Each structure stands twice: as C-alpha cells, then as structure tokens.
Amino acid sequence: MLGIILSIVIGGIAGWLASLIMHKANGTLINIILGIVGGFVGSFLFGIIGFKTSNIIGQLISAVVGGVVVLAIFNLIKGKK
C-alpha cells in the first residue's frame, strides 16, 4: 500500500517537473496523471537500457524522463486536433 502511494507521489512530482521542462501546462490533474504514466514509461525505458532505479532519486529521474516523453506525445496528439 505504501509503495502505491509513494509511486503516485513520485509520479505527481515528476509530472509537475516534466511540465516545467516542456513549458507546457495542461492542468494540475492532467500533469499528475501524465507523470504517473511517465513513471511507468521511464522505468520501462531505463530497464531496457539496463539502469536500475531502486532508490527514490533514481525513480524520480526515470519518472521525469518518462513524463517528458509522455507529455511530448500528449502535446503532439493534442496539437493535431
């Protein structure tokens, strides 16, 4: 249970940081959701490369990287409409 809550908190922070990096504000809730999804994407991408994200800093970094990727894809899709 604590792991899930920690993942949500890290994902929320990552979504906020990713929106600052990308200079795109989509709303707080959207950024948090994209950050949580980005956390999964980032840990998947880092796993492919072979990096271990076993500590909180590593998880945050991978979540921010994944958040930037997810946010970029989201903005591309949102911009085409």
PDB file of N, CA and C in Angstrom:
ATOM      1  N   MET A   1       0.825  -1.190   0.000  1.00  0.00           N
ATOM      2  CA  MET A   1       0.000   0.000   0.000  1.00  0.00           C
ATOM      3  C   MET A   1       0.873   1.259   0.000  1.00  0.00           C
ATOM      4  N   LEU A   2       1.921   1.241   0.800  1.00  0.00           N
ATOM      5  CA  LEU A   2       2.819   2.392   0.867  1.00  0.00           C
ATOM      6  C   LEU A   2       3.544   2.601  -0.456  1.00  0.00           C
ATOM      7  N   GLY A   3       3.884   1.496  -1.135  1.00  0.00           N
ATOM      8  CA  GLY A   3       4.553   1.581  -2.427  1.00  0.00           C
ATOM      9  C   GLY A   3       3.680   2.258  -3.479  1.00  0.00           C
ATOM     10  N   ILE A   4       2.389   1.977  -3.445  1.00  0.00           N
ATOM     11  CA  ILE A   4       1.465   2.598  -4.400  1.00  0.00           C
ATOM     12  C   ILE A   4       1.351   4.087  -4.131  1.00  0.00           C
ATOM     13  N   ILE A   5       1.230   4.449  -2.880  1.00  0.00           N
ATOM     14  CA  ILE A   5       1.130   5.869  -2.516  1.00  0.00           C
ATOM     15  C   ILE A   5       2.416   6.595  -2.894  1.00  0.00           C
ATOM     16  N   LEU A   6       3.557   5.976  -2.642  1.00  0.00           N
ATOM     17  CA  LEU A   6       4.839   6.581  -2.998  1.00  0.00           C
ATOM     18  C   LEU A   6       4.963   6.747  -4.514  1.00  0.00           C
ATOM     19  N   SER A   7       4.496   5.758  -5.278  1.00  0.00           N
ATOM     20  CA  SER A   7       4.526   5.859  -6.737  1.00  0.00           C
ATOM     21  C   SER A   7       3.651   7.000  -7.234  1.00  0.00           C
ATOM     22  N   ILE A   8       2.508   7.198  -6.624  1.00  0.00           N
ATOM     23  CA  ILE A   8       1.618   8.296  -7.011  1.00  0.00           C
ATOM     24  C   ILE A   8       2.257   9.640  -6.687  1.00  0.00           C
ATOM     25  N   VAL A   9       2.865   9.750  -5.527  1.00  0.00           N
ATOM     26  CA  VAL A   9       3.523  11.000  -5.136  1.00  0.00           C
ATOM     27  C   VAL A   9       4.701  11.297  -6.069  1.00  0.00           C
ATOM     28  N   ILE A  10       5.534  10.298  -6.323  1.00  0.00           N
ATOM     29  CA  ILE A  10       6.674  10.492  -7.231  1.00  0.00           C
ATOM     30  C   ILE A  10       6.176  10.827  -8.627  1.00  0.00           C
ATOM     31  N   GLY A  11       5.136  10.152  -9.081  1.00  0.00           N
ATOM     32  CA  GLY A  11       4.558  10.444 -10.391  1.00  0.00           C
ATOM     33  C   GLY A  11       4.006  11.854 -10.475  1.00  0.00           C
ATOM     34  N   GLY A  12       3.368  12.302  -9.416  1.00  0.00           N
ATOM     35  CA  GLY A  12       2.856  13.673  -9.392  1.00  0.00           C
ATOM     36  C   GLY A  12       3.963  14.710  -9.465  1.00  0.00           C
ATOM     37  N   ILE A  13       5.005  14.492  -8.699  1.00  0.00           N
ATOM     38  CA  ILE A  13       6.154  15.401  -8.738  1.00  0.00           C
ATOM     39  C   ILE A  13       6.812  15.356 -10.110  1.00  0.00           C
ATOM     40  N   ALA A  14       6.939  14.153 -10.664  1.00  0.00           N
ATOM     41  CA  ALA A  14       7.546  14.005 -11.989  1.00  0.00           C
ATOM     42  C   ALA A  14       6.713  14.702 -13.058  1.00  0.00           C
ATOM     43  N   GLY A  15       5.402  14.598 -12.981  1.00  0.00           N
ATOM     44  CA  GLY A  15       4.531  15.280 -13.940  1.00  0.00           C
ATOM     45  C   GLY A  15       4.678  16.783 -13.861  1.00  0.00           C
ATOM     46  N   TRP A  16       4.787  17.292 -12.652  1.00  0.00           N
ATOM     47  CA  TRP A  16       4.970  18.724 -12.465  1.00  0.00           C
ATOM     48  C   TRP A  16       6.323  19.172 -13.037  1.00  0.00           C
ATOM     49  N   LEU A  17       7.380  18.407 -12.729  1.00  0.00           N
ATOM     50  CA  LEU A  17       8.711  18.744 -13.256  1.00  0.00           C
ATOM     51  C   LEU A  17       8.760  18.624 -14.781  1.00  0.00           C
ATOM     52  N   ALA A  18       8.118  17.599 -15.321  1.00  0.00           N
ATOM     53  CA  ALA A  18       8.093  17.433 -16.778  1.00  0.00           C
ATOM     54  C   ALA A  18       7.371  18.592 -17.448  1.00  0.00           C
ATOM     55  N   SER A  19       6.299  19.076 -16.838  1.00  0.00           N
ATOM     56  CA  SER A  19       5.581  20.217 -17.425  1.00  0.00           C
ATOM     57  C   SER A  19       6.431  21.484 -17.359  1.00  0.00           C
ATOM     58  N   LEU A  20       7.260  21.615 -16.336  1.00  0.00           N
ATOM     59  CA  LEU A  20       8.176  22.757 -16.267  1.00  0.00           C
ATOM     60  C   LEU A  20       9.259  22.653 -17.329  1.00  0.00           C
ATOM     61  N   ILE A  21       9.781  21.442 -17.538  1.00  0.00           N
ATOM     62  CA  ILE A  21      10.815  21.229 -18.545  1.00  0.00           C
ATOM     63  C   ILE A  21      10.269  21.495 -19.944  1.00  0.00           C
ATOM     64  N   MET A  22       9.060  21.014 -20.204  1.00  0.00           N
ATOM     65  CA  MET A  22       8.463  21.148 -21.535  1.00  0.00           C
ATOM     66  C   MET A  22       7.785  22.498 -21.744  1.00  0.00           C
ATOM     67  N   HIS A  23       7.669  23.301 -20.708  1.00  0.00           N
ATOM     68  CA  HIS A  23       6.981  24.598 -20.762  1.00  0.00           C
ATOM     69  C   HIS A  23       5.543  24.448 -21.253  1.00  0.00           C
ATOM     70  N   LYS A  24       4.892  23.381 -20.844  1.00  0.00           N
ATOM     71  CA  LYS A  24       3.505  23.114 -21.222  1.00  0.00           C
ATOM     72  C   LYS A  24       2.709  22.832 -19.962  1.00  0.00           C
ATOM     73  N   ALA A  25       1.713  23.643 -19.714  1.00  0.00           N
ATOM     74  CA  ALA A  25       0.830  23.423 -18.580  1.00  0.00           C
ATOM     75  C   ALA A  25      -0.506  22.924 -19.107  1.00  0.00           C
ATOM     76  N   ASN A  26      -0.874  21.710 -18.744  1.00  0.00           N
ATOM     77  CA  ASN A  26      -2.132  21.121 -19.177  1.00  0.00           C
ATOM     78  C   ASN A  26      -3.125  21.017 -18.036  1.00  0.00           C
ATOM     79  N   GLY A  27      -2.836  21.606 -16.940  1.00  0.00           N
ATOM     80  CA  GLY A  27      -3.671  21.481 -15.754  1.00  0.00           C
ATOM     81  C   GLY A  27      -3.008  20.543 -14.769  1.00  0.00           C
ATOM     82  N   THR A  28      -3.241  20.778 -13.516  1.00  0.00           N
ATOM     83  CA  THR A  28      -2.580  20.020 -12.459  1.00  0.00           C
ATOM     84  C   THR A  28      -2.915  18.541 -12.522  1.00  0.00           C
ATOM     85  N   LEU A  29      -4.195  18.215 -12.652  1.00  0.00           N
ATOM     86  CA  LEU A  29      -4.600  16.815 -12.655  1.00  0.00           C
ATOM     87  C   LEU A  29      -4.030  16.074 -13.858  1.00  0.00           C
ATOM     88  N   ILE A  30      -4.075  16.687 -15.030  1.00  0.00           N
ATOM     89  CA  ILE A  30      -3.519  16.063 -16.241  1.00  0.00           C
ATOM     90  C   ILE A  30      -2.018  15.844 -16.071  1.00  0.00           C
ATOM     91  N   ASN A  31      -1.317  16.841 -15.542  1.00  0.00           N
ATOM     92  CA  ASN A  31       0.129  16.701 -15.340  1.00  0.00           C
ATOM     93  C   ASN A  31       0.447  15.582 -14.357  1.00  0.00           C
ATOM     94  N   ILE A  32      -0.339  15.440 -13.310  1.00  0.00           N
ATOM     95  CA  ILE A  32      -0.112  14.369 -12.339  1.00  0.00           C
ATOM     96  C   ILE A  32      -0.357  13.009 -12.987  1.00  0.00           C
ATOM     97  N   ILE A  33      -1.433  12.889 -13.741  1.00  0.00           N
ATOM     98  CA  ILE A  33      -1.739  11.623 -14.417  1.00  0.00           C
ATOM     99  C   ILE A  33      -0.650  11.282 -15.422  1.00  0.00           C
ATOM    100  N   LEU A  34      -0.230  12.279 -16.212  1.00  0.00           N
ATOM    101  CA  LEU A  34       0.841  12.047 -17.182  1.00  0.00           C
ATOM    102  C   LEU A  34       2.151  11.698 -16.481  1.00  0.00           C
ATOM    103  N   GLY A  35       2.386  12.274 -15.312  1.00  0.00           N
ATOM    104  CA  GLY A  35       3.583  11.943 -14.539  1.00  0.00           C
ATOM    105  C   GLY A  35       3.561  10.516 -14.022  1.00  0.00           C
ATOM    106  N   ILE A  36       2.399  10.059 -13.589  1.00  0.00           N
ATOM    107  CA  ILE A  36       2.277   8.678 -13.113  1.00  0.00           C
ATOM    108  C   ILE A  36       2.497   7.709 -14.268  1.00  0.00           C
ATOM    109  N   VAL A  37       1.856   7.990 -15.407  1.00  0.00           N
ATOM    110  CA  VAL A  37       2.069   7.160 -16.597  1.00  0.00           C
ATOM    111  C   VAL A  37       3.539   7.245 -17.023  1.00  0.00           C
ATOM    112  N   GLY A  38       4.097   8.453 -16.951  1.00  0.00           N
ATOM    113  CA  GLY A  38       5.504   8.644 -17.292  1.00  0.00           C
ATOM    114  C   GLY A  38       6.435   7.864 -16.391  1.00  0.00           C
ATOM    115  N   GLY A  39       6.051   7.673 -15.146  1.00  0.00           N
ATOM    116  CA  GLY A  39       6.852   6.863 -14.236  1.00  0.00           C
ATOM    117  C   GLY A  39       6.971   5.425 -14.719  1.00  0.00           C
ATOM    118  N   PHE A  40       5.866   4.873 -15.201  1.00  0.00           N
ATOM    119  CA  PHE A  40       5.903   3.522 -15.755  1.00  0.00           C
ATOM    120  C   PHE A  40       6.729   3.486 -17.038  1.00  0.00           C
ATOM    121  N   VAL A  41       6.526   4.481 -17.895  1.00  0.00           N
ATOM    122  CA  VAL A  41       7.272   4.546 -19.158  1.00  0.00           C
ATOM    123  C   VAL A  41       8.761   4.709 -18.883  1.00  0.00           C
ATOM    124  N   GLY A  42       9.107   5.601 -17.962  1.00  0.00           N
ATOM    125  CA  GLY A  42      10.512   5.841 -17.631  1.00  0.00           C
ATOM    126  C   GLY A  42      11.192   4.619 -17.059  1.00  0.00           C
ATOM    127  N   SER A  43      10.519   3.917 -16.153  1.00  0.00           N
ATOM    128  CA  SER A  43      11.148   2.720 -15.581  1.00  0.00           C
ATOM    129  C   SER A  43      11.272   1.628 -16.643  1.00  0.00           C
ATOM    130  N   PHE A  44      10.330   1.562 -17.591  1.00  0.00           N
ATOM    131  CA  PHE A  44      10.440   0.617 -18.698  1.00  0.00           C
ATOM    132  C   PHE A  44      11.634   0.965 -19.587  1.00  0.00           C
ATOM    133  N   LEU A  45      11.750   2.262 -19.942  1.00  0.00           N
ATOM    134  CA  LEU A  45      12.854   2.696 -20.796  1.00  0.00           C
ATOM    135  C   LEU A  45      14.204   2.493 -20.111  1.00  0.00           C
ATOM    136  N   PHE A  46      14.277   2.828 -18.833  1.00  0.00           N
ATOM    137  CA  PHE A  46      15.530   2.651 -18.099  1.00  0.00           C
ATOM    138  C   PHE A  46      15.849   1.170 -17.939  1.00  0.00           C
ATOM    139  N   GLY A  47      14.818   0.319 -17.827  1.00  0.00           N
ATOM    140  CA  GLY A  47      15.031  -1.120 -17.738  1.00  0.00           C
ATOM    141  C   GLY A  47      15.594  -1.695 -19.024  1.00  0.00           C
ATOM    142  N   ILE A  48      15.139  -1.172 -20.165  1.00  0.00           N
ATOM    143  CA  ILE A  48      15.667  -1.624 -21.454  1.00  0.00           C
ATOM    144  C   ILE A  48      17.146  -1.290 -21.562  1.00  0.00           C
ATOM    145  N   ILE A  49      17.507  -0.090 -21.119  1.00  0.00           N
ATOM    146  CA  ILE A  49      18.898   0.352 -21.197  1.00  0.00           C
ATOM    147  C   ILE A  49      19.764  -0.407 -20.194  1.00  0.00           C
ATOM    148  N   GLY A  50      19.168  -0.844 -19.101  1.00  0.00           N
ATOM    149  CA  GLY A  50      19.913  -1.593 -18.100  1.00  0.00           C
ATOM    150  C   GLY A  50      20.178  -0.829 -16.821  1.00  0.00           C
ATOM    151  N   PHE A  51      19.621   0.364 -16.688  1.00  0.00           N
ATOM    152  CA  PHE A  51      19.786   1.132 -15.452  1.00  0.00           C
ATOM    153  C   PHE A  51      18.793   0.655 -14.407  1.00  0.00           C
ATOM    154  N   LYS A  52      19.264   0.553 -13.190  1.00  0.00           N
ATOM    155  CA  LYS A  52      18.405   0.176 -12.072  1.00  0.00           C
ATOM    156  C   LYS A  52      17.943   1.434 -11.353  1.00  0.00           C
ATOM    157  N   THR A  53      16.670   1.502 -11.070  1.00  0.00           N
ATOM    158  CA  THR A  53      16.113   2.656 -10.355  1.00  0.00           C
ATOM    159  C   THR A  53      15.542   2.167  -9.027  1.00  0.00           C
ATOM    160  N   SER A  54      16.430   1.740  -8.150  1.00  0.00           N
ATOM    161  CA  SER A  54      15.993   1.141  -6.899  1.00  0.00           C
ATOM    162  C   SER A  54      15.796   2.160  -5.776  1.00  0.00           C
ATOM    163  N   ASN A  55      16.365   3.350  -5.906  1.00  0.00           N
ATOM    164  CA  ASN A  55      16.168   4.340  -4.846  1.00  0.00           C
ATOM    165  C   ASN A  55      15.203   5.431  -5.317  1.00  0.00           C
ATOM    166  N   ILE A  56      14.804   6.275  -4.426  1.00  0.00           N
ATOM    167  CA  ILE A  56      13.792   7.293  -4.735  1.00  0.00           C
ATOM    168  C   ILE A  56      14.306   8.285  -5.763  1.00  0.00           C
ATOM    169  N   ILE A  57      15.567   8.674  -5.683  1.00  0.00           N
ATOM    170  CA  ILE A  57      16.127   9.623  -6.653  1.00  0.00           C
ATOM    171  C   ILE A  57      16.124   9.006  -8.051  1.00  0.00           C
ATOM    172  N   GLY A  58      16.526   7.759  -8.162  1.00  0.00           N
ATOM    173  CA  GLY A  58      16.511   7.066  -9.449  1.00  0.00           C
ATOM    174  C   GLY A  58      15.106   6.933 -10.009  1.00  0.00           C
ATOM    175  N   GLN A  59      14.152   6.642  -9.128  1.00  0.00           N
ATOM    176  CA  GLN A  59      12.760   6.550  -9.558  1.00  0.00           C
ATOM    177  C   GLN A  59      12.244   7.900 -10.030  1.00  0.00           C
ATOM    178  N   LEU A  60      12.610   8.959  -9.334  1.00  0.00           N
ATOM    179  CA  LEU A  60      12.172  10.299  -9.723  1.00  0.00           C
ATOM    180  C   LEU A  60      12.774  10.698 -11.072  1.00  0.00           C
ATOM    181  N   ILE A  61      14.046  10.406 -11.265  1.00  0.00           N
ATOM    182  CA  ILE A  61      14.695  10.741 -12.536  1.00  0.00           C
ATOM    183  C   ILE A  61      14.051   9.974 -13.688  1.00  0.00           C
ATOM    184  N   SER A  62      13.825   8.678 -13.494  1.00  0.00           N
ATOM    185  CA  SER A  62      13.200   7.901 -14.570  1.00  0.00           C
ATOM    186  C   SER A  62      11.768   8.348 -14.808  1.00  0.00           C
ATOM    187  N   ALA A  63      11.064   8.739 -13.760  1.00  0.00           N
ATOM    188  CA  ALA A  63       9.689   9.218 -13.920  1.00  0.00           C
ATOM    189  C   ALA A  63       9.655  10.560 -14.647  1.00  0.00           C
ATOM    190  N   VAL A  64      10.623  11.430 -14.384  1.00  0.00           N
ATOM    191  CA  VAL A  64      10.672  12.721 -15.078  1.00  0.00           C
ATOM    192  C   VAL A  64      10.981  12.500 -16.557  1.00  0.00           C
ATOM    193  N   VAL A  65      11.938  11.626 -16.848  1.00  0.00           N
ATOM    194  CA  VAL A  65      12.258  11.322 -18.250  1.00  0.00           C
ATOM    195  C   VAL A  65      11.033  10.733 -18.951  1.00  0.00           C
ATOM    196  N   GLY A  66      10.398   9.775 -18.312  1.00  0.00           N
ATOM    197  CA  GLY A  66       9.177   9.194 -18.877  1.00  0.00           C
ATOM    198  C   GLY A  66       8.064  10.213 -18.984  1.00  0.00           C
ATOM    199  N   GLY A  67       7.966  11.108 -17.996  1.00  0.00           N
ATOM    200  CA  GLY A  67       6.952  12.162 -18.038  1.00  0.00           C
ATOM    201  C   GLY A  67       7.160  13.114 -19.196  1.00  0.00           C
ATOM    202  N   VAL A  68       8.400  13.446 -19.478  1.00  0.00           N
ATOM    203  CA  VAL A  68       8.704  14.317 -20.620  1.00  0.00           C
ATOM    204  C   VAL A  68       8.309  13.619 -21.921  1.00  0.00           C
ATOM    205  N   VAL A  69       8.613  12.323 -22.028  1.00  0.00           N
ATOM    206  CA  VAL A  69       8.245  11.569 -23.227  1.00  0.00           C
ATOM    207  C   VAL A  69       6.729  11.524 -23.394  1.00  0.00           C
ATOM    208  N   VAL A  70       6.024  11.174 -22.324  1.00  0.00           N
ATOM    209  CA  VAL A  70       4.561  11.083 -22.380  1.00  0.00           C
ATOM    210  C   VAL A  70       3.946  12.454 -22.644  1.00  0.00           C
ATOM    211  N   LEU A  71       4.469  13.487 -22.011  1.00  0.00           N
ATOM    212  CA  LEU A  71       3.953  14.837 -22.212  1.00  0.00           C
ATOM    213  C   LEU A  71       4.181  15.307 -23.642  1.00  0.00           C
ATOM    214  N   ALA A  72       5.333  14.978 -24.224  1.00  0.00           N
ATOM    215  CA  ALA A  72       5.609  15.347 -25.618  1.00  0.00           C
ATOM    216  C   ALA A  72       4.635  14.644 -26.559  1.00  0.00           C
ATOM    217  N   ILE A  73       4.386  13.370 -26.321  1.00  0.00           N
ATOM    218  CA  ILE A  73       3.433  12.626 -27.151  1.00  0.00           C
ATOM    219  C   ILE A  73       2.033  13.187 -26.971  1.00  0.00           C
ATOM    220  N   PHE A  74       1.653  13.481 -25.731  1.00  0.00           N
ATOM    221  CA  PHE A  74       0.329  14.040 -25.442  1.00  0.00           C
ATOM    222  C   PHE A  74       0.141  15.378 -26.158  1.00  0.00           C
ATOM    223  N   ASN A  75       1.171  16.227 -26.116  1.00  0.00           N
ATOM    224  CA  ASN A  75       1.058  17.538 -26.760  1.00  0.00           C
ATOM    225  C   ASN A  75       1.019  17.414 -28.277  1.00  0.00           C
ATOM    226  N   LEU A  76       1.721  16.427 -28.838  1.00  0.00           N
ATOM    227  CA  LEU A  76       1.651  16.195 -30.280  1.00  0.00           C
ATOM    228  C   LEU A  76       0.231  15.774 -30.680  1.00  0.00           C
ATOM    229  N   ILE A  77      -0.352  14.874 -29.932  1.00  0.00           N
ATOM    230  CA  ILE A  77      -1.704  14.406 -30.233  1.00  0.00           C
ATOM    231  C   ILE A  77      -2.706  15.532 -30.010  1.00  0.00           C
ATOM    232  N   LYS A  78      -2.546  16.261 -28.917  1.00  0.00           N
ATOM    233  CA  LYS A  78      -3.454  17.370 -28.596  1.00  0.00           C
ATOM    234  C   LYS A  78      -3.343  18.478 -29.630  1.00  0.00           C
ATOM    235  N   GLY A  79      -2.147  18.726 -30.158  1.00  0.00           N
ATOM    236  CA  GLY A  79      -1.936  19.788 -31.122  1.00  0.00           C
ATOM    237  C   GLY A  79      -2.496  19.491 -32.503  1.00  0.00           C
ATOM    238  N   LYS A  80      -2.673  18.211 -32.836  1.00  0.00           N
ATOM    239  CA  LYS A  80      -3.172  17.843 -34.153  1.00  0.00           C
ATOM    240  C   LYS A  80      -4.680  18.030 -34.281  1.00  0.00           C
ATOM    241  N   LYS A  81      -5.368  18.211 -33.189  1.00  0.00           N
ATOM    242  CA  LYS A  81      -6.819  18.376 -33.249  1.00  0.00           C
ATOM    243  C   LYS A  81      -7.209  19.764 -33.670  1.00  0.00           C
TER     244      LYS A  81
END
